[in-house]
Amino acid sequence: NQSDQSRILPNHAFDTYRFFKTLESNGLSTKTSKTFLDLLRLLLRSSEKRWMITGPRGRILSKSYSEGQAYLYQAALDELRTSVNIKARNDGILIRTGNSVVLREIESLKQKLKDDIHGLKNELQIELNTRKEEANDEQNKLELSIQELNSKLTILTGEVRTEIETRKWVTTRRCVVAISTLALCVIIFTSLEPDSIKPHKPTSSAQNSLNGRNTNRTANQTNSLRTSIGKDQLVDYHYEDNDADADSKKVKRMKSVEELGIMPNR
């Protein structure tokens, strides 16, 4: 049998401790049990030596058979070593290949991540630039609106100052006219008083008629003076009404900034 020839040493399934306890349980002493164990060990060793010399069939082995068995054992060992080395080499190659694949995937993922980060940075930069440009445009529009507002306010201020100067001039002219009229009236009254004085006293009838004429003349002058003064007052009232209308127009013109439509709608 080839399987029996390939075996060199037998495999004895023998429990010495159990055998020792069995001997003690059967009434033998410990020393006697140890003696039986020593005898059994000698028998086993002698049987192993005899098996190694004679073989499994109980016959003596030749030198060529022993060398053949040793050669087969060595060949099997070499084959096992070779297969183990080949398997280890193949496993190493597979591991290195898998490692290379993993490294390539990692590199590709790193490159993709870098590209994504770079693209995201570019998008963020473009968005920031766009926001900055929009903010600058809004700032420029606001500055233009402020300049336009300043221009309109300057124009309105100039118009108001012009109107004030015009009114000052009109008021001054009115005062001059009033003073001139008053001075003229005073001069007229002063020039008329010496004409009414006579060196000789007239009669009572002549005196009465003269007094009546003087009274009528004085009343006429007074009425004419009142009429002229009333006209001046009417003119003043007319100018005051015109001034009030101009003030209301100026107030209407100087509205708020939002009603003028200067500031842009937000």
C-alpha atoms as a PDB file:
ATOM      1  CA  ASN A   1       0.000   0.000   0.000  1.00  0.00           C
ATOM      2  CA  GLN A   2       1.469   3.339  -1.101  1.00  0.00           C
ATOM      3  CA  SER A   3      -0.156   5.218   1.783  1.00  0.00           C
ATOM      4  CA  ASP A   4       1.412   2.804   4.308  1.00  0.00           C
ATOM      5  CA  GLN A   5       4.827   3.122   2.650  1.00  0.00           C
ATOM      6  CA  SER A   6       4.707   6.919   2.791  1.00  0.00           C
ATOM      7  CA  ARG A   7       4.346   6.769   6.585  1.00  0.00           C
ATOM      8  CA  ILE A   8       7.630   6.674   8.463  1.00  0.00           C
ATOM      9  CA  LEU A   9       6.582   6.963  12.117  1.00  0.00           C
ATOM     10  CA  PRO A  10       3.363   5.581  13.624  1.00  0.00           C
ATOM     11  CA  ASN A  11       0.911   7.814  15.428  1.00  0.00           C
ATOM     12  CA  HIS A  12       0.094   6.182  18.801  1.00  0.00           C
ATOM     13  CA  ALA A  13      -3.110   7.528  20.333  1.00  0.00           C
ATOM     14  CA  PHE A  14      -2.260   6.469  23.880  1.00  0.00           C
ATOM     15  CA  ASP A  15      -3.159   8.428  27.048  1.00  0.00           C
ATOM     16  CA  THR A  16      -0.494   7.584  29.656  1.00  0.00           C
ATOM     17  CA  TYR A  17      -2.095   9.651  32.409  1.00  0.00           C
ATOM     18  CA  ARG A  18      -5.429   7.925  32.004  1.00  0.00           C
ATOM     19  CA  PHE A  19      -3.677   4.554  31.991  1.00  0.00           C
ATOM     20  CA  PHE A  20      -1.849   5.522  35.215  1.00  0.00           C
ATOM     21  CA  LYS A  21      -5.084   6.555  36.946  1.00  0.00           C
ATOM     22  CA  THR A  22      -6.780   3.375  35.800  1.00  0.00           C
ATOM     23  CA  LEU A  23      -4.015   1.292  37.395  1.00  0.00           C
ATOM     24  CA  GLU A  24      -4.317   3.198  40.661  1.00  0.00           C
ATOM     25  CA  SER A  25      -8.099   2.809  40.655  1.00  0.00           C
ATOM     26  CA  ASN A  26      -7.684  -0.949  40.261  1.00  0.00           C
ATOM     27  CA  GLY A  27      -5.769  -1.214  43.529  1.00  0.00           C
ATOM     28  CA  LEU A  28      -2.183  -0.872  42.384  1.00  0.00           C
ATOM     29  CA  SER A  29       0.168   1.386  44.205  1.00  0.00           C
ATOM     30  CA  THR A  30       1.727   4.471  42.702  1.00  0.00           C
ATOM     31  CA  LYS A  31       5.155   2.837  42.452  1.00  0.00           C
ATOM     32  CA  THR A  32       3.744  -0.181  40.699  1.00  0.00           C
ATOM     33  CA  SER A  33       1.796   1.997  38.320  1.00  0.00           C
ATOM     34  CA  LYS A  34       4.965   3.958  37.479  1.00  0.00           C
ATOM     35  CA  THR A  35       6.799   0.676  36.857  1.00  0.00           C
ATOM     36  CA  PHE A  36       4.084  -0.395  34.422  1.00  0.00           C
ATOM     37  CA  LEU A  37       4.377   2.952  32.665  1.00  0.00           C
ATOM     38  CA  ASP A  38       8.154   2.549  32.312  1.00  0.00           C
ATOM     39  CA  LEU A  39       7.713  -0.931  30.835  1.00  0.00           C
ATOM     40  CA  LEU A  40       5.091   0.372  28.441  1.00  0.00           C
ATOM     41  CA  ARG A  41       7.408   3.180  27.338  1.00  0.00           C
ATOM     42  CA  LEU A  42      10.199   0.682  26.618  1.00  0.00           C
ATOM     43  CA  LEU A  43       7.806  -1.481  24.618  1.00  0.00           C
ATOM     44  CA  LEU A  44       6.624   1.484  22.581  1.00  0.00           C
ATOM     45  CA  ARG A  45      10.175   2.590  21.806  1.00  0.00           C
ATOM     46  CA  SER A  46      11.196  -0.937  20.769  1.00  0.00           C
ATOM     47  CA  SER A  47       8.122  -1.228  18.556  1.00  0.00           C
ATOM     48  CA  GLU A  48       8.882   2.153  16.932  1.00  0.00           C
ATOM     49  CA  LYS A  49      12.466   1.137  16.203  1.00  0.00           C
ATOM     50  CA  ARG A  50      11.345  -2.178  14.809  1.00  0.00           C
ATOM     51  CA  TRP A  51       8.738  -0.427  12.634  1.00  0.00           C
ATOM     52  CA  MET A  52      11.367   1.952  11.284  1.00  0.00           C
ATOM     53  CA  ILE A  53      13.650  -0.954  10.376  1.00  0.00           C
ATOM     54  CA  THR A  54      11.147  -3.478   9.071  1.00  0.00           C
ATOM     55  CA  GLY A  55       8.486  -1.107   7.651  1.00  0.00           C
ATOM     56  CA  PRO A  56       4.727  -1.376   7.886  1.00  0.00           C
ATOM     57  CA  ARG A  57       4.672  -4.973   6.651  1.00  0.00           C
ATOM     58  CA  GLY A  58       7.150  -6.209   9.193  1.00  0.00           C
ATOM     59  CA  ARG A  59      10.026  -6.824   6.787  1.00  0.00           C
ATOM     60  CA  ILE A  60      13.498  -5.297   6.623  1.00  0.00           C
ATOM     61  CA  LEU A  61      13.829  -2.239   4.357  1.00  0.00           C
ATOM     62  CA  SER A  62      16.648  -1.929   1.835  1.00  0.00           C
ATOM     63  CA  LYS A  63      18.947   1.032   1.445  1.00  0.00           C
ATOM     64  CA  SER A  64      17.499   1.908  -1.947  1.00  0.00           C
ATOM     65  CA  TYR A  65      13.986   1.925  -0.503  1.00  0.00           C
ATOM     66  CA  SER A  66      15.113   4.194   2.309  1.00  0.00           C
ATOM     67  CA  GLU A  67      16.865   6.488  -0.165  1.00  0.00           C
ATOM     68  CA  GLY A  68      13.825   6.460  -2.400  1.00  0.00           C
ATOM     69  CA  GLN A  69      11.585   7.313   0.484  1.00  0.00           C
ATOM     70  CA  ALA A  70      13.986  10.078   1.517  1.00  0.00           C
ATOM     71  CA  TYR A  71      14.086  11.333  -2.085  1.00  0.00           C
ATOM     72  CA  LEU A  72      10.311  11.285  -2.299  1.00  0.00           C
ATOM     73  CA  TYR A  73      10.096  13.089   0.987  1.00  0.00           C
ATOM     74  CA  GLN A  74      12.645  15.654  -0.197  1.00  0.00           C
ATOM     75  CA  ALA A  75      10.871  16.032  -3.529  1.00  0.00           C
ATOM     76  CA  ALA A  76       7.540  16.469  -1.817  1.00  0.00           C
ATOM     77  CA  LEU A  77       9.146  18.976   0.495  1.00  0.00           C
ATOM     78  CA  ASP A  78      10.713  20.850  -2.451  1.00  0.00           C
ATOM     79  CA  GLU A  79       7.418  20.776  -4.309  1.00  0.00           C
ATOM     80  CA  LEU A  80       5.646  22.090  -1.260  1.00  0.00           C
ATOM     81  CA  ARG A  81       8.274  24.795  -0.858  1.00  0.00           C
ATOM     82  CA  THR A  82       8.023  25.681  -4.524  1.00  0.00           C
ATOM     83  CA  SER A  83       4.239  25.834  -4.420  1.00  0.00           C
ATOM     84  CA  VAL A  84       4.394  27.916  -1.273  1.00  0.00           C
ATOM     85  CA  ASN A  85       6.908  30.281  -2.896  1.00  0.00           C
ATOM     86  CA  ILE A  86       4.843  30.482  -6.084  1.00  0.00           C
ATOM     87  CA  LYS A  87       1.702  31.122  -4.095  1.00  0.00           C
ATOM     88  CA  ALA A  88       3.468  33.736  -2.008  1.00  0.00           C
ATOM     89  CA  ARG A  89       4.875  35.338  -5.187  1.00  0.00           C
ATOM     90  CA  ASN A  90       1.478  35.311  -6.850  1.00  0.00           C
ATOM     91  CA  ASP A  91      -0.136  36.689  -3.740  1.00  0.00           C
ATOM     92  CA  GLY A  92       2.548  39.376  -3.599  1.00  0.00           C
ATOM     93  CA  ILE A  93       1.974  40.228  -7.256  1.00  0.00           C
ATOM     94  CA  LEU A  94      -1.772  40.408  -6.674  1.00  0.00           C
ATOM     95  CA  ILE A  95      -1.253  42.527  -3.602  1.00  0.00           C
ATOM     96  CA  ARG A  96       1.134  44.851  -5.462  1.00  0.00           C
ATOM     97  CA  THR A  97      -1.275  45.048  -8.390  1.00  0.00           C
ATOM     98  CA  GLY A  98      -4.158  45.847  -6.081  1.00  0.00           C
ATOM     99  CA  ASN A  99      -1.994  48.360  -4.268  1.00  0.00           C
ATOM    100  CA  SER A 100      -1.057  49.986  -7.579  1.00  0.00           C
ATOM    101  CA  VAL A 101      -4.724  50.152  -8.582  1.00  0.00           C
ATOM    102  CA  VAL A 102      -5.623  51.672  -5.230  1.00  0.00           C
ATOM    103  CA  LEU A 103      -2.767  54.175  -5.531  1.00  0.00           C
ATOM    104  CA  ARG A 104      -3.876  55.134  -9.042  1.00  0.00           C
ATOM    105  CA  GLU A 105      -7.436  55.592  -7.827  1.00  0.00           C
ATOM    106  CA  ILE A 106      -6.185  57.681  -4.916  1.00  0.00           C
ATOM    107  CA  GLU A 107      -4.106  59.827  -7.284  1.00  0.00           C
ATOM    108  CA  SER A 108      -7.069  60.257  -9.626  1.00  0.00           C
ATOM    109  CA  LEU A 109      -9.283  61.196  -6.686  1.00  0.00           C
ATOM    110  CA  LYS A 110      -6.666  63.669  -5.465  1.00  0.00           C
ATOM    111  CA  GLN A 111      -6.414  65.227  -8.917  1.00  0.00           C
ATOM    112  CA  LYS A 112     -10.187  65.390  -9.221  1.00  0.00           C
ATOM    113  CA  LEU A 113     -10.426  66.954  -5.774  1.00  0.00           C
ATOM    114  CA  LYS A 114      -7.775  69.519  -6.718  1.00  0.00           C
ATOM    115  CA  ASP A 115      -9.619  70.318  -9.946  1.00  0.00           C
ATOM    116  CA  ASP A 116     -12.907  70.690  -8.075  1.00  0.00           C
ATOM    117  CA  ILE A 117     -11.299  72.942  -5.474  1.00  0.00           C
ATOM    118  CA  HIS A 118      -9.632  75.024  -8.195  1.00  0.00           C
ATOM    119  CA  GLY A 119     -12.909  75.346 -10.090  1.00  0.00           C
ATOM    120  CA  LEU A 120     -14.740  76.299  -6.907  1.00  0.00           C
ATOM    121  CA  LYS A 121     -12.108  78.933  -6.145  1.00  0.00           C
ATOM    122  CA  ASN A 122     -12.468  80.355  -9.636  1.00  0.00           C
ATOM    123  CA  GLU A 123     -16.251  80.455  -9.324  1.00  0.00           C
ATOM    124  CA  LEU A 124     -16.005  82.153  -5.940  1.00  0.00           C
ATOM    125  CA  GLN A 125     -13.504  84.670  -7.301  1.00  0.00           C
ATOM    126  CA  ILE A 126     -15.735  85.425 -10.282  1.00  0.00           C
ATOM    127  CA  GLU A 127     -18.737  85.826  -7.978  1.00  0.00           C
ATOM    128  CA  LEU A 128     -16.780  88.133  -5.681  1.00  0.00           C
ATOM    129  CA  ASN A 129     -15.596  90.221  -8.629  1.00  0.00           C
ATOM    130  CA  THR A 130     -19.165  90.455  -9.910  1.00  0.00           C
ATOM    131  CA  ARG A 131     -20.401  91.558  -6.490  1.00  0.00           C
ATOM    132  CA  LYS A 132     -17.614  94.129  -6.266  1.00  0.00           C
ATOM    133  CA  GLU A 133     -18.471  95.518  -9.690  1.00  0.00           C
ATOM    134  CA  GLU A 134     -22.150  95.722  -8.769  1.00  0.00           C
ATOM    135  CA  ALA A 135     -21.268  97.464  -5.507  1.00  0.00           C
ATOM    136  CA  ASN A 136     -19.015  99.913  -7.376  1.00  0.00           C
ATOM    137  CA  ASP A 137     -21.771 100.607  -9.908  1.00  0.00           C
ATOM    138  CA  GLU A 138     -24.269 101.252  -7.135  1.00  0.00           C
ATOM    139  CA  GLN A 139     -21.746 103.499  -5.389  1.00  0.00           C
ATOM    140  CA  ASN A 140     -21.153 105.441  -8.601  1.00  0.00           C
ATOM    141  CA  LYS A 141     -24.887 105.790  -9.161  1.00  0.00           C
ATOM    142  CA  LEU A 142     -25.305 107.009  -5.589  1.00  0.00           C
ATOM    143  CA  GLU A 143     -22.491 109.525  -6.026  1.00  0.00           C
ATOM    144  CA  LEU A 144     -24.021 110.757  -9.277  1.00  0.00           C
ATOM    145  CA  SER A 145     -27.384 111.111  -7.546  1.00  0.00           C
ATOM    146  CA  ILE A 146     -25.749 113.034  -4.709  1.00  0.00           C
ATOM    147  CA  GLN A 147     -23.971 115.309  -7.179  1.00  0.00           C
ATOM    148  CA  GLU A 148     -27.220 115.879  -9.064  1.00  0.00           C
ATOM    149  CA  LEU A 149     -28.958 116.652  -5.786  1.00  0.00           C
ATOM    150  CA  ASN A 150     -26.184 119.075  -4.837  1.00  0.00           C
ATOM    151  CA  SER A 151     -26.471 120.748  -8.238  1.00  0.00           C
ATOM    152  CA  LYS A 152     -30.227 121.132  -7.909  1.00  0.00           C
ATOM    153  CA  LEU A 153     -29.892 122.406  -4.353  1.00  0.00           C
ATOM    154  CA  THR A 154     -27.240 124.874  -5.518  1.00  0.00           C
ATOM    155  CA  ILE A 155     -29.525 126.059  -8.314  1.00  0.00           C
ATOM    156  CA  LEU A 156     -32.453 126.403  -5.922  1.00  0.00           C
ATOM    157  CA  THR A 157     -30.275 128.260  -3.425  1.00  0.00           C
ATOM    158  CA  GLY A 158     -29.114 130.632  -6.162  1.00  0.00           C
ATOM    159  CA  GLU A 159     -32.686 131.237  -7.242  1.00  0.00           C
ATOM    160  CA  VAL A 160     -33.721 131.918  -3.652  1.00  0.00           C
ATOM    161  CA  ARG A 161     -30.826 134.325  -3.182  1.00  0.00           C
ATOM    162  CA  THR A 162     -31.710 136.068  -6.439  1.00  0.00           C
ATOM    163  CA  GLU A 163     -35.316 136.348  -5.329  1.00  0.00           C
ATOM    164  CA  ILE A 164     -34.221 137.741  -1.967  1.00  0.00           C
ATOM    165  CA  GLU A 165     -31.990 140.328  -3.628  1.00  0.00           C
ATOM    166  CA  THR A 166     -34.833 141.226  -6.007  1.00  0.00           C
ATOM    167  CA  ARG A 167     -37.200 141.710  -3.107  1.00  0.00           C
ATOM    168  CA  LYS A 168     -34.615 143.785  -1.282  1.00  0.00           C
ATOM    169  CA  TRP A 169     -34.262 145.989  -4.327  1.00  0.00           C
ATOM    170  CA  VAL A 170     -38.052 146.298  -4.731  1.00  0.00           C
ATOM    171  CA  THR A 171     -38.433 147.123  -1.033  1.00  0.00           C
ATOM    172  CA  THR A 172     -35.660 149.689  -1.225  1.00  0.00           C
ATOM    173  CA  ARG A 173     -37.247 151.253  -4.303  1.00  0.00           C
ATOM    174  CA  ARG A 174     -40.616 151.401  -2.564  1.00  0.00           C
ATOM    175  CA  CYS A 175     -39.057 153.053   0.449  1.00  0.00           C
ATOM    176  CA  VAL A 176     -37.304 155.575  -1.775  1.00  0.00           C
ATOM    177  CA  VAL A 177     -40.555 156.276  -3.645  1.00  0.00           C
ATOM    178  CA  ALA A 178     -42.460 156.640  -0.360  1.00  0.00           C
ATOM    179  CA  ILE A 179     -39.820 158.958   1.097  1.00  0.00           C
ATOM    180  CA  SER A 180     -39.696 160.984  -2.113  1.00  0.00           C
ATOM    181  CA  THR A 181     -43.496 161.265  -2.163  1.00  0.00           C
ATOM    182  CA  LEU A 182     -43.544 162.318   1.466  1.00  0.00           C
ATOM    183  CA  ALA A 183     -40.818 164.888   0.858  1.00  0.00           C
ATOM    184  CA  LEU A 184     -42.689 166.197  -2.188  1.00  0.00           C
ATOM    185  CA  CYS A 185     -45.879 166.525  -0.168  1.00  0.00           C
ATOM    186  CA  VAL A 186     -44.011 168.359   2.555  1.00  0.00           C
ATOM    187  CA  ILE A 187     -42.476 170.675  -0.019  1.00  0.00           C
ATOM    188  CA  ILE A 188     -45.882 171.311  -1.595  1.00  0.00           C
ATOM    189  CA  PHE A 189     -47.474 172.082   1.764  1.00  0.00           C
ATOM    190  CA  THR A 190     -44.573 174.281   2.674  1.00  0.00           C
ATOM    191  CA  SER A 191     -44.761 176.177  -0.619  1.00  0.00           C
ATOM    192  CA  LEU A 192     -48.540 176.670  -0.329  1.00  0.00           C
ATOM    193  CA  GLU A 193     -48.503 178.136   3.198  1.00  0.00           C
ATOM    194  CA  PRO A 194     -46.874 181.553   2.337  1.00  0.00           C
ATOM    195  CA  ASP A 195     -49.383 182.183  -0.461  1.00  0.00           C
ATOM    196  CA  SER A 196     -52.289 182.049   1.998  1.00  0.00           C
ATOM    197  CA  ILE A 197     -50.830 184.821   4.219  1.00  0.00           C
ATOM    198  CA  LYS A 198     -51.978 188.368   3.169  1.00  0.00           C
ATOM    199  CA  PRO A 199     -50.717 191.770   4.530  1.00  0.00           C
ATOM    200  CA  HIS A 200     -54.207 193.332   4.786  1.00  0.00           C
ATOM    201  CA  LYS A 201     -57.076 191.689   6.499  1.00  0.00           C
ATOM    202  CA  PRO A 202     -60.039 191.274   4.181  1.00  0.00           C
ATOM    203  CA  THR A 203     -63.650 191.664   5.087  1.00  0.00           C
ATOM    204  CA  SER A 204     -65.565 188.978   6.824  1.00  0.00           C
ATOM    205  CA  SER A 205     -67.279 187.735   3.660  1.00  0.00           C
ATOM    206  CA  ALA A 206     -64.030 187.753   1.726  1.00  0.00           C
ATOM    207  CA  GLN A 207     -62.354 186.150   4.676  1.00  0.00           C
ATOM    208  CA  ASN A 208     -64.987 183.447   4.774  1.00  0.00           C
ATOM    209  CA  SER A 209     -64.784 182.811   1.048  1.00  0.00           C
ATOM    210  CA  LEU A 210     -61.023 182.726   1.244  1.00  0.00           C
ATOM    211  CA  ASN A 211     -61.150 180.359   4.160  1.00  0.00           C
ATOM    212  CA  GLY A 212     -63.636 178.195   2.255  1.00  0.00           C
ATOM    213  CA  ARG A 213     -61.330 178.136  -0.760  1.00  0.00           C
ATOM    214  CA  ASN A 214     -58.365 177.322   1.380  1.00  0.00           C
ATOM    215  CA  THR A 215     -60.357 174.638   3.133  1.00  0.00           C
ATOM    216  CA  ASN A 216     -61.482 173.192  -0.189  1.00  0.00           C
ATOM    217  CA  ARG A 217     -57.964 173.369  -1.564  1.00  0.00           C
ATOM    218  CA  THR A 218     -56.601 171.742   1.573  1.00  0.00           C
ATOM    219  CA  ALA A 219     -59.281 169.031   1.407  1.00  0.00           C
ATOM    220  CA  ASN A 220     -58.541 168.458  -2.265  1.00  0.00           C
ATOM    221  CA  GLN A 221     -54.821 168.195  -1.568  1.00  0.00           C
ATOM    222  CA  THR A 222     -55.514 165.915   1.360  1.00  0.00           C
ATOM    223  CA  ASN A 223     -57.760 163.721  -0.776  1.00  0.00           C
ATOM    224  CA  SER A 224     -55.206 163.656  -3.564  1.00  0.00           C
ATOM    225  CA  LEU A 225     -52.499 162.780  -1.044  1.00  0.00           C
ATOM    226  CA  ARG A 226     -54.689 160.076   0.468  1.00  0.00           C
ATOM    227  CA  THR A 227     -55.488 158.785  -2.996  1.00  0.00           C
ATOM    228  CA  SER A 228     -51.787 158.640  -3.869  1.00  0.00           C
ATOM    229  CA  ILE A 229     -50.989 157.002  -0.539  1.00  0.00           C
ATOM    230  CA  GLY A 230     -53.844 154.522  -1.049  1.00  0.00           C
ATOM    231  CA  LYS A 231     -52.534 153.687  -4.493  1.00  0.00           C
ATOM    232  CA  ASP A 232     -49.103 153.117  -3.022  1.00  0.00           C
ATOM    233  CA  GLN A 233     -50.620 150.908  -0.361  1.00  0.00           C
ATOM    234  CA  LEU A 234     -52.593 149.032  -3.018  1.00  0.00           C
ATOM    235  CA  VAL A 235     -49.410 148.631  -5.010  1.00  0.00           C
ATOM    236  CA  ASP A 236     -47.674 147.450  -1.833  1.00  0.00           C
ATOM    237  CA  TYR A 237     -50.488 145.025  -1.156  1.00  0.00           C
ATOM    238  CA  HIS A 238     -50.294 143.831  -4.747  1.00  0.00           C
ATOM    239  CA  TYR A 239     -46.555 143.322  -4.381  1.00  0.00           C
ATOM    240  CA  GLU A 240     -47.083 141.579  -1.051  1.00  0.00           C
ATOM    241  CA  ASP A 241     -49.624 139.247  -2.679  1.00  0.00           C
ATOM    242  CA  ASN A 242     -47.195 138.606  -5.485  1.00  0.00           C
ATOM    243  CA  ASP A 243     -44.474 137.964  -2.886  1.00  0.00           C
ATOM    244  CA  ALA A 244     -46.733 135.521  -1.033  1.00  0.00           C
ATOM    245  CA  ASP A 245     -47.482 133.732  -4.304  1.00  0.00           C
ATOM    246  CA  ALA A 246     -43.771 133.599  -5.098  1.00  0.00           C
ATOM    247  CA  ASP A 247     -43.050 132.237  -1.601  1.00  0.00           C
ATOM    248  CA  SER A 248     -45.673 129.534  -2.034  1.00  0.00           C
ATOM    249  CA  LYS A 249     -44.193 128.696  -5.430  1.00  0.00           C
ATOM    250  CA  LYS A 250     -40.723 128.457  -3.907  1.00  0.00           C
ATOM    251  CA  VAL A 251     -42.022 126.252  -1.103  1.00  0.00           C
ATOM    252  CA  LYS A 252     -43.689 124.029  -3.660  1.00  0.00           C
ATOM    253  CA  ARG A 253     -40.488 123.883  -5.669  1.00  0.00           C
ATOM    254  CA  MET A 254     -38.373 123.040  -2.618  1.00  0.00           C
ATOM    255  CA  LYS A 255     -39.920 119.681  -1.978  1.00  0.00           C
ATOM    256  CA  SER A 256     -38.358 116.623  -0.465  1.00  0.00           C
ATOM    257  CA  VAL A 257     -35.673 114.698  -2.337  1.00  0.00           C
ATOM    258  CA  GLU A 258     -37.871 111.665  -2.870  1.00  0.00           C
ATOM    259  CA  GLU A 259     -40.700 113.754  -4.457  1.00  0.00           C
ATOM    260  CA  LEU A 260     -38.266 115.432  -6.822  1.00  0.00           C
ATOM    261  CA  GLY A 261     -37.207 112.000  -8.069  1.00  0.00           C
ATOM    262  CA  ILE A 262     -33.499 112.670  -7.604  1.00  0.00           C
ATOM    263  CA  MET A 263     -32.589 109.638  -5.548  1.00  0.00           C
ATOM    264  CA  PRO A 264     -32.816 106.265  -7.361  1.00  0.00           C
ATOM    265  CA  ASN A 265     -35.434 103.812  -6.292  1.00  0.00           C
ATOM    266  CA  ARG A 266     -33.954 100.987  -4.217  1.00  0.00           C
END
